[in-house]
Amino acid sequence: MQVKKELEQIKSNLQSEEKVYKQTKQAFEQKEQAWVNGQAGLLAEHLHEGEPCPVCGSTEHPHKAEIAIHTPTKKN
């Protein structure tokens, strides 16, 4: 009976840790996407018609990304 009780406790702990992991992973992925979008806006700020894009090389920039207000930095 003791082993069964310990196993149930381990299972419960694992479920709790998996929940924390999933929440942390989701928060990280959201912040990472916000950072990527912010970088696109920062790059777009320096694009000029006729000059090549540093990412794709295009010299036309019809749909520049906008700078996001709350772009995370590497520190946060």
PDB file of N, CA and C in Angstrom:
ATOM      1  N   MET A   1       0.809  -1.203   0.000  1.00  0.00           N
ATOM      2  CA  MET A   1       0.000   0.000   0.000  1.00  0.00           C
ATOM      3  C   MET A   1       0.857   1.275   0.000  1.00  0.00           C
ATOM      4  N   GLN A   2       1.965   1.253   0.718  1.00  0.00           N
ATOM      5  CA  GLN A   2       2.837   2.430   0.792  1.00  0.00           C
ATOM      6  C   GLN A   2       3.398   2.796  -0.579  1.00  0.00           C
ATOM      7  N   VAL A   3       3.788   1.797  -1.356  1.00  0.00           N
ATOM      8  CA  VAL A   3       4.347   2.030  -2.678  1.00  0.00           C
ATOM      9  C   VAL A   3       3.288   2.650  -3.583  1.00  0.00           C
ATOM     10  N   LYS A   4       2.068   2.151  -3.483  1.00  0.00           N
ATOM     11  CA  LYS A   4       0.974   2.688  -4.290  1.00  0.00           C
ATOM     12  C   LYS A   4       0.702   4.153  -3.932  1.00  0.00           C
ATOM     13  N   LYS A   5       0.767   4.463  -2.660  1.00  0.00           N
ATOM     14  CA  LYS A   5       0.562   5.833  -2.195  1.00  0.00           C
ATOM     15  C   LYS A   5       1.664   6.753  -2.730  1.00  0.00           C
ATOM     16  N   GLU A   6       2.907   6.270  -2.676  1.00  0.00           N
ATOM     17  CA  GLU A   6       4.034   7.049  -3.186  1.00  0.00           C
ATOM     18  C   GLU A   6       3.905   7.276  -4.689  1.00  0.00           C
ATOM     19  N   LEU A   7       3.463   6.247  -5.399  1.00  0.00           N
ATOM     20  CA  LEU A   7       3.276   6.368  -6.840  1.00  0.00           C
ATOM     21  C   LEU A   7       2.226   7.423  -7.170  1.00  0.00           C
ATOM     22  N   GLU A   8       1.143   7.434  -6.453  1.00  0.00           N
ATOM     23  CA  GLU A   8       0.089   8.430  -6.669  1.00  0.00           C
ATOM     24  C   GLU A   8       0.609   9.838  -6.388  1.00  0.00           C
ATOM     25  N   GLN A   9       1.434   9.972  -5.354  1.00  0.00           N
ATOM     26  CA  GLN A   9       2.018  11.283  -5.030  1.00  0.00           C
ATOM     27  C   GLN A   9       2.948  11.737  -6.148  1.00  0.00           C
ATOM     28  N   ILE A  10       3.740  10.824  -6.669  1.00  0.00           N
ATOM     29  CA  ILE A  10       4.652  11.144  -7.774  1.00  0.00           C
ATOM     30  C   ILE A  10       3.857  11.558  -9.008  1.00  0.00           C
ATOM     31  N   LYS A  11       2.794  10.860  -9.304  1.00  0.00           N
ATOM     32  CA  LYS A  11       1.938  11.200 -10.445  1.00  0.00           C
ATOM     33  C   LYS A  11       1.333  12.594 -10.269  1.00  0.00           C
ATOM     34  N   SER A  12       0.878  12.870  -9.070  1.00  0.00           N
ATOM     35  CA  SER A  12       0.294  14.179  -8.784  1.00  0.00           C
ATOM     36  C   SER A  12       1.334  15.292  -8.956  1.00  0.00           C
ATOM     37  N   ASN A  13       2.540  15.051  -8.440  1.00  0.00           N
ATOM     38  CA  ASN A  13       3.615  16.036  -8.583  1.00  0.00           C
ATOM     39  C   ASN A  13       3.962  16.257 -10.054  1.00  0.00           C
ATOM     40  N   LEU A  14       4.003  15.180 -10.815  1.00  0.00           N
ATOM     41  CA  LEU A  14       4.310  15.276 -12.235  1.00  0.00           C
ATOM     42  C   LEU A  14       3.262  16.118 -12.963  1.00  0.00           C
ATOM     43  N   GLN A  15       2.000  15.887 -12.654  1.00  0.00           N
ATOM     44  CA  GLN A  15       0.928  16.667 -13.293  1.00  0.00           C
ATOM     45  C   GLN A  15       1.066  18.143 -12.967  1.00  0.00           C
ATOM     46  N   SER A  16       1.399  18.450 -11.713  1.00  0.00           N
ATOM     47  CA  SER A  16       1.591  19.853 -11.308  1.00  0.00           C
ATOM     48  C   SER A  16       2.762  20.480 -12.056  1.00  0.00           C
ATOM     49  N   GLU A  17       3.858  19.745 -12.162  1.00  0.00           N
ATOM     50  CA  GLU A  17       5.036  20.250 -12.861  1.00  0.00           C
ATOM     51  C   GLU A  17       4.772  20.417 -14.354  1.00  0.00           C
ATOM     52  N   GLU A  18       4.013  19.512 -14.943  1.00  0.00           N
ATOM     53  CA  GLU A  18       3.663  19.629 -16.364  1.00  0.00           C
ATOM     54  C   GLU A  18       2.820  20.875 -16.605  1.00  0.00           C
ATOM     55  N   LYS A  19       1.914  21.175 -15.686  1.00  0.00           N
ATOM     56  CA  LYS A  19       1.077  22.370 -15.811  1.00  0.00           C
ATOM     57  C   LYS A  19       1.937  23.636 -15.775  1.00  0.00           C
ATOM     58  N   VAL A  20       2.858  23.683 -14.822  1.00  0.00           N
ATOM     59  CA  VAL A  20       3.760  24.833 -14.710  1.00  0.00           C
ATOM     60  C   VAL A  20       4.612  24.952 -15.974  1.00  0.00           C
ATOM     61  N   TYR A  21       5.125  23.836 -16.461  1.00  0.00           N
ATOM     62  CA  TYR A  21       5.939  23.834 -17.676  1.00  0.00           C
ATOM     63  C   TYR A  21       5.157  24.402 -18.862  1.00  0.00           C
ATOM     64  N   LYS A  22       3.933  23.931 -19.046  1.00  0.00           N
ATOM     65  CA  LYS A  22       3.122  24.383 -20.187  1.00  0.00           C
ATOM     66  C   LYS A  22       2.826  25.877 -20.093  1.00  0.00           C
ATOM     67  N   GLN A  23       2.525  26.358 -18.892  1.00  0.00           N
ATOM     68  CA  GLN A  23       2.259  27.787 -18.716  1.00  0.00           C
ATOM     69  C   GLN A  23       3.507  28.620 -18.989  1.00  0.00           C
ATOM     70  N   THR A  24       4.631  28.153 -18.493  1.00  0.00           N
ATOM     71  CA  THR A  24       5.897  28.863 -18.698  1.00  0.00           C
ATOM     72  C   THR A  24       6.281  28.868 -20.172  1.00  0.00           C
ATOM     73  N   LYS A  25       6.111  27.738 -20.820  1.00  0.00           N
ATOM     74  CA  LYS A  25       6.437  27.632 -22.245  1.00  0.00           C
ATOM     75  C   LYS A  25       5.558  28.563 -23.066  1.00  0.00           C
ATOM     76  N   GLN A  26       4.268  28.606 -22.767  1.00  0.00           N
ATOM     77  CA  GLN A  26       3.357  29.475 -23.498  1.00  0.00           C
ATOM     78  C   GLN A  26       3.732  30.949 -23.304  1.00  0.00           C
ATOM     79  N   ALA A  27       4.057  31.331 -22.072  1.00  0.00           N
ATOM     80  CA  ALA A  27       4.456  32.719 -21.801  1.00  0.00           C
ATOM     81  C   ALA A  27       5.734  33.069 -22.555  1.00  0.00           C
ATOM     82  N   PHE A  28       6.694  32.147 -22.563  1.00  0.00           N
ATOM     83  CA  PHE A  28       7.939  32.371 -23.293  1.00  0.00           C
ATOM     84  C   PHE A  28       7.673  32.538 -24.784  1.00  0.00           C
ATOM     85  N   GLU A  29       6.859  31.656 -25.359  1.00  0.00           N
ATOM     86  CA  GLU A  29       6.584  31.719 -26.793  1.00  0.00           C
ATOM     87  C   GLU A  29       5.869  33.015 -27.172  1.00  0.00           C
ATOM     88  N   GLN A  30       4.978  33.493 -26.320  1.00  0.00           N
ATOM     89  CA  GLN A  30       4.298  34.764 -26.592  1.00  0.00           C
ATOM     90  C   GLN A  30       5.285  35.923 -26.553  1.00  0.00           C
ATOM     91  N   LYS A  31       6.152  35.919 -25.552  1.00  0.00           N
ATOM     92  CA  LYS A  31       7.140  37.001 -25.436  1.00  0.00           C
ATOM     93  C   LYS A  31       8.136  36.934 -26.590  1.00  0.00           C
ATOM     94  N   GLU A  32       8.531  35.734 -26.978  1.00  0.00           N
ATOM     95  CA  GLU A  32       9.465  35.585 -28.094  1.00  0.00           C
ATOM     96  C   GLU A  32       8.839  36.107 -29.388  1.00  0.00           C
ATOM     97  N   GLN A  33       7.573  35.809 -29.621  1.00  0.00           N
ATOM     98  CA  GLN A  33       6.897  36.290 -30.826  1.00  0.00           C
ATOM     99  C   GLN A  33       6.784  37.811 -30.806  1.00  0.00           C
ATOM    100  N   ALA A  34       6.493  38.374 -29.648  1.00  0.00           N
ATOM    101  CA  ALA A  34       6.429  39.840 -29.526  1.00  0.00           C
ATOM    102  C   ALA A  34       7.795  40.452 -29.824  1.00  0.00           C
ATOM    103  N   TRP A  35       8.858  39.797 -29.382  1.00  0.00           N
ATOM    104  CA  TRP A  35      10.210  40.294 -29.640  1.00  0.00           C
ATOM    105  C   TRP A  35      10.518  40.256 -31.133  1.00  0.00           C
ATOM    106  N   VAL A  36      10.187  39.135 -31.788  1.00  0.00           N
ATOM    107  CA  VAL A  36      10.423  39.003 -33.232  1.00  0.00           C
ATOM    108  C   VAL A  36       9.646  40.080 -33.987  1.00  0.00           C
ATOM    109  N   ASN A  37       8.380  40.261 -33.628  1.00  0.00           N
ATOM    110  CA  ASN A  37       7.571  41.288 -34.294  1.00  0.00           C
ATOM    111  C   ASN A  37       8.159  42.677 -34.065  1.00  0.00           C
ATOM    112  N   GLY A  38       8.656  42.905 -32.875  1.00  0.00           N
ATOM    113  CA  GLY A  38       9.266  44.195 -32.574  1.00  0.00           C
ATOM    114  C   GLY A  38      10.533  44.431 -33.388  1.00  0.00           C
ATOM    115  N   GLN A  39      11.321  43.389 -33.574  1.00  0.00           N
ATOM    116  CA  GLN A  39      12.540  43.518 -34.364  1.00  0.00           C
ATOM    117  C   GLN A  39      12.209  43.842 -35.813  1.00  0.00           C
ATOM    118  N   ALA A  40      11.134  43.238 -36.316  1.00  0.00           N
ATOM    119  CA  ALA A  40      10.711  43.534 -37.690  1.00  0.00           C
ATOM    120  C   ALA A  40      10.369  45.016 -37.819  1.00  0.00           C
ATOM    121  N   GLY A  41       9.695  45.558 -36.824  1.00  0.00           N
ATOM    122  CA  GLY A  41       9.360  46.981 -36.849  1.00  0.00           C
ATOM    123  C   GLY A  41      10.594  47.863 -36.799  1.00  0.00           C
ATOM    124  N   LEU A  42      11.557  47.465 -35.982  1.00  0.00           N
ATOM    125  CA  LEU A  42      12.791  48.245 -35.894  1.00  0.00           C
ATOM    126  C   LEU A  42      13.562  48.219 -37.210  1.00  0.00           C
ATOM    127  N   LEU A  43      13.620  47.058 -37.855  1.00  0.00           N
ATOM    128  CA  LEU A  43      14.288  46.968 -39.158  1.00  0.00           C
ATOM    129  C   LEU A  43      13.544  47.806 -40.199  1.00  0.00           C
ATOM    130  N   ALA A  44      12.230  47.716 -40.183  1.00  0.00           N
ATOM    131  CA  ALA A  44      11.426  48.426 -41.177  1.00  0.00           C
ATOM    132  C   ALA A  44      11.593  49.933 -41.080  1.00  0.00           C
ATOM    133  N   GLU A  45      11.872  50.400 -39.880  1.00  0.00           N
ATOM    134  CA  GLU A  45      12.060  51.837 -39.679  1.00  0.00           C
ATOM    135  C   GLU A  45      13.202  52.383 -40.538  1.00  0.00           C
ATOM    136  N   HIS A  46      14.145  51.533 -40.884  1.00  0.00           N
ATOM    137  CA  HIS A  46      15.319  51.969 -41.641  1.00  0.00           C
ATOM    138  C   HIS A  46      15.262  51.580 -43.123  1.00  0.00           C
ATOM    139  N   LEU A  47      14.117  51.088 -43.575  1.00  0.00           N
ATOM    140  CA  LEU A  47      13.979  50.730 -44.990  1.00  0.00           C
ATOM    141  C   LEU A  47      13.637  51.965 -45.821  1.00  0.00           C
ATOM    142  N   HIS A  48      14.257  52.057 -46.979  1.00  0.00           N
ATOM    143  CA  HIS A  48      13.980  53.166 -47.897  1.00  0.00           C
ATOM    144  C   HIS A  48      13.785  52.578 -49.284  1.00  0.00           C
ATOM    145  N   GLU A  49      12.800  53.106 -49.997  1.00  0.00           N
ATOM    146  CA  GLU A  49      12.521  52.621 -51.349  1.00  0.00           C
ATOM    147  C   GLU A  49      13.785  52.683 -52.200  1.00  0.00           C
ATOM    148  N   GLY A  50      14.013  51.613 -52.932  1.00  0.00           N
ATOM    149  CA  GLY A  50      15.172  51.536 -53.812  1.00  0.00           C
ATOM    150  C   GLY A  50      16.409  50.959 -53.139  1.00  0.00           C
ATOM    151  N   GLU A  51      16.410  50.912 -51.799  1.00  0.00           N
ATOM    152  CA  GLU A  51      17.540  50.325 -51.074  1.00  0.00           C
ATOM    153  C   GLU A  51      17.151  48.916 -50.628  1.00  0.00           C
ATOM    154  N   PRO A  52      18.092  47.991 -50.670  1.00  0.00           N
ATOM    155  CA  PRO A  52      17.749  46.603 -50.334  1.00  0.00           C
ATOM    156  C   PRO A  52      17.441  46.387 -48.850  1.00  0.00           C
ATOM    157  N   CYS A  53      16.491  45.513 -48.618  1.00  0.00           N
ATOM    158  CA  CYS A  53      16.141  45.075 -47.266  1.00  0.00           C
ATOM    159  C   CYS A  53      17.283  44.195 -46.753  1.00  0.00           C
ATOM    160  N   PRO A  54      17.712  44.382 -45.496  1.00  0.00           N
ATOM    161  CA  PRO A  54      18.803  43.558 -44.971  1.00  0.00           C
ATOM    162  C   PRO A  54      18.391  42.095 -44.736  1.00  0.00           C
ATOM    163  N   VAL A  55      17.109  41.827 -44.764  1.00  0.00           N
ATOM    164  CA  VAL A  55      16.635  40.466 -44.531  1.00  0.00           C
ATOM    165  C   VAL A  55      16.429  39.723 -45.845  1.00  0.00           C
ATOM    166  N   CYS A  56      15.659  40.334 -46.761  1.00  0.00           N
ATOM    167  CA  CYS A  56      15.299  39.604 -47.984  1.00  0.00           C
ATOM    168  C   CYS A  56      15.929  40.164 -49.253  1.00  0.00           C
ATOM    169  N   GLY A  57      16.470  41.367 -49.162  1.00  0.00           N
ATOM    170  CA  GLY A  57      17.125  41.955 -50.324  1.00  0.00           C
ATOM    171  C   GLY A  57      16.210  42.728 -51.256  1.00  0.00           C
ATOM    172  N   SER A  58      14.915  42.694 -50.997  1.00  0.00           N
ATOM    173  CA  SER A  58      13.987  43.417 -51.864  1.00  0.00           C
ATOM    174  C   SER A  58      14.260  44.918 -51.801  1.00  0.00           C
ATOM    175  N   THR A  59      14.070  45.578 -52.937  1.00  0.00           N
ATOM    176  CA  THR A  59      14.240  47.033 -52.966  1.00  0.00           C
ATOM    177  C   THR A  59      12.897  47.752 -52.925  1.00  0.00           C
ATOM    178  N   GLU A  60      11.821  46.993 -52.860  1.00  0.00           N
ATOM    179  CA  GLU A  60      10.476  47.555 -52.706  1.00  0.00           C
ATOM    180  C   GLU A  60       9.955  47.166 -51.332  1.00  0.00           C
ATOM    181  N   HIS A  61       9.292  48.086 -50.659  1.00  0.00           N
ATOM    182  CA  HIS A  61       8.838  47.858 -49.291  1.00  0.00           C
ATOM    183  C   HIS A  61       7.388  48.324 -49.133  1.00  0.00           C
ATOM    184  N   PRO A  62       6.438  47.648 -49.780  1.00  0.00           N
ATOM    185  CA  PRO A  62       5.056  48.110 -49.772  1.00  0.00           C
ATOM    186  C   PRO A  62       4.316  47.910 -48.448  1.00  0.00           C
ATOM    187  N   HIS A  63       4.749  46.979 -47.611  1.00  0.00           N
ATOM    188  CA  HIS A  63       4.021  46.691 -46.373  1.00  0.00           C
ATOM    189  C   HIS A  63       4.986  46.587 -45.190  1.00  0.00           C
ATOM    190  N   LYS A  64       5.573  47.706 -44.828  1.00  0.00           N
ATOM    191  CA  LYS A  64       6.545  47.716 -43.735  1.00  0.00           C
ATOM    192  C   LYS A  64       5.866  47.369 -42.403  1.00  0.00           C
ATOM    193  N   ALA A  65       6.589  46.630 -41.582  1.00  0.00           N
ATOM    194  CA  ALA A  65       6.106  46.334 -40.232  1.00  0.00           C
ATOM    195  C   ALA A  65       6.150  47.617 -39.412  1.00  0.00           C
ATOM    196  N   GLU A  66       5.230  47.717 -38.469  1.00  0.00           N
ATOM    197  CA  GLU A  66       5.216  48.882 -37.585  1.00  0.00           C
ATOM    198  C   GLU A  66       5.925  48.525 -36.279  1.00  0.00           C
ATOM    199  N   ILE A  67       6.476  49.525 -35.647  1.00  0.00           N
ATOM    200  CA  ILE A  67       7.148  49.293 -34.369  1.00  0.00           C
ATOM    201  C   ILE A  67       6.083  49.066 -33.300  1.00  0.00           C
ATOM    202  N   ALA A  68       6.217  47.960 -32.591  1.00  0.00           N
ATOM    203  CA  ALA A  68       5.283  47.635 -31.518  1.00  0.00           C
ATOM    204  C   ALA A  68       5.581  48.503 -30.301  1.00  0.00           C
ATOM    205  N   ILE A  69       4.541  48.901 -29.622  1.00  0.00           N
ATOM    206  CA  ILE A  69       4.697  49.755 -28.448  1.00  0.00           C
ATOM    207  C   ILE A  69       5.427  49.027 -27.326  1.00  0.00           C
ATOM    208  N   HIS A  70       5.088  47.771 -27.107  1.00  0.00           N
ATOM    209  CA  HIS A  70       5.651  47.019 -25.988  1.00  0.00           C
ATOM    210  C   HIS A  70       6.569  45.904 -26.487  1.00  0.00           C
ATOM    211  N   THR A  71       7.578  46.283 -27.219  1.00  0.00           N
ATOM    212  CA  THR A  71       8.538  45.288 -27.703  1.00  0.00           C
ATOM    213  C   THR A  71       9.461  44.888 -26.566  1.00  0.00           C
ATOM    214  N   PRO A  72       9.486  43.598 -26.225  1.00  0.00           N
ATOM    215  CA  PRO A  72      10.403  43.171 -25.163  1.00  0.00           C
ATOM    216  C   PRO A  72      11.851  43.266 -25.615  1.00  0.00           C
ATOM    217  N   THR A  73      12.729  43.418 -24.666  1.00  0.00           N
ATOM    218  CA  THR A  73      14.162  43.435 -24.968  1.00  0.00           C
ATOM    219  C   THR A  73      14.754  42.090 -24.557  1.00  0.00           C
ATOM    220  N   LYS A  74      16.025  41.900 -24.832  1.00  0.00           N
ATOM    221  CA  LYS A  74      16.659  40.645 -24.416  1.00  0.00           C
ATOM    222  C   LYS A  74      16.713  40.522 -22.910  1.00  0.00           C
ATOM    223  N   LYS A  75      16.690  41.651 -22.215  1.00  0.00           N
ATOM    224  CA  LYS A  75      16.748  41.647 -20.744  1.00  0.00           C
ATOM    225  C   LYS A  75      15.423  41.221 -20.112  1.00  0.00           C
ATOM    226  N   ASN A  76      14.308  41.514 -20.791  1.00  0.00           N
ATOM    227  CA  ASN A  76      13.021  41.141 -20.191  1.00  0.00           C
ATOM    228  C   ASN A  76      12.251  40.325 -21.158  1.00  0.00           C
TER     229      ASN A  76
END
